[in-house]
Amino acid sequence: MMNHMTTTVASSLRSIRRAAVFKNVERTFAAASDESLVKTELYDLHKELGGDMVPFAGYSLPVLYKGDNGGVMKEHLWCRSEGKSSLFDVSHMGQIRWHGKDRATFLEKIVVGDIKGLVPGSGLLSLVTNENGGIIDDTVITNAGDYIYMVVNGATKFGDMKHFEEQLEEHSELDVSMEYLEDSMQLLALQGPGAAAAVAKILPDGFDLDRMAFMTGVDTSFLNNSIAGCRITRCGYTGEDGFEIAVPAAHAVEVASKLFEDPSVNPTGLGARDSLRLEAGLCLYGNDLDHNTTPTEGTLGWTMGGPKSRRRSKDGGGTLFLGAAHILQPDGKFQKISKKRIGIQGMKAPARQHTEIFDATGETKIGEITSGTYSPCLKCPIAMGYVDKANSKIGTQIMLKIRNKMQTAQITKMLFVESRYYRLTE
């Protein structure tokens, strides 16, 4: 009886801690100022669906939904479930079109990726860097043929565009112009194993999703060609197959409502978006990346390609992007780094941002947590952060100072849950 009672109490305490974790998510997102918030075109629909609206990046967005399939835990697990998908409103993100014959040349001066190497329709994740090699933002860039399509983070978009304007002035000899789409185009993200089947219902007849590779995009129309000027990109922020859907503002509710007619599609908020991306080992700008962190410190050196790729070789333009000298050696190898982003598991309680990381003795501070949560899939706390390079090896035992108490943990690989991005079959 005593053992049963002990087990029951322990289980209850774990449930309370998990509830506290996700309650903290609500407080985190709601902590933004009460400035005049922008409402996306889906605001009223969010409210009808039970959306708990909070300030985020200057917008009013749902942190979670109240209902049978609502709440961070249920929304998160729905997105990982076979045959199901989650729909997120990400209209706060900044959508930009780059025009002019020198658009790729210009972009290669401000981002680290191989933009000239993108064939029409293909895209990549890249990083905007400053003169010291620090990361100003992460961005998805796609060659749309007649223009280059860029999506930047909502919280940083205005700072990004100020930086872009400064660089345009500095390189005024180039034929390039920036078109910010403002809120004229809304952006939806459909993520999960069932995303392809669900999105097919709004695409034109004959649209071959089977041949649409991950990180590719195309201009298209929706709903029997009745809505023109749309765009779909196969990408996402959850580790699952998925799509980002750009649609003219006047038709955003119509498209979202059509997707919600499919019972496999669940409305999902910012809370689950954050826990999903952390399970997938993906960064949140402002937490895990910032203007003082270089791509190599953030373990994102792969965005520049291999040692002999054109963006890292002397003859290929590797020295052209802003801050390259702080990241690359003349031979294309990476400069030495003093800190490194790592994954962390093994602690009993979730470790929040700014939690201090110590060596195994608990005496020497070696780093700090940047993101942490309870993993609904793994049913345990997970985190990422930065530690001294000398202490970054996977398997290294560490101590975390959580609520003024030291807890043991260990450094792990970053990918906590295996990704399931779509891959073309031969």
Foldseek 3Di string as FASTA:
>chain_A
DVVVVVVVVVVVVLVVQQVVQQVVLVVVQQVDDPPQAAEALCNVVCVVQAFDWHDDLRHTFGQWGDDDQIGQLSQLVLQADAQFKEKGWQQLKWKKKKAFPCRQVLVVQFWLANSVPADAFAKDKIFGAAQQQAGLWIWIWHRNPRIIMIITHNNRVVVVVVVVVVSCVVPVVGTMDMDICRSQKTKMKMGHNNAVVLQVQFFEPPPDPLPQAARGKYAGATDNNPFHRKMKHFYDQQLGTIIMIIGGRVCPVVSVVSSVVPVSYHYGRPNNSQLRNQLQLHDDPPQQGHNVDHCVQAVNPCSNPDQPDLLQAPNSCVVNYRSSVNFHDNSSDGDDDFKHKFKKFDWQHKDAFQWWKFAQVPPHTFWTWRHKGQRSVVRGIMTMTMGTPVQQDFFGWIWTQDPNDITIMTTHHRNNDNGHYDDRDD
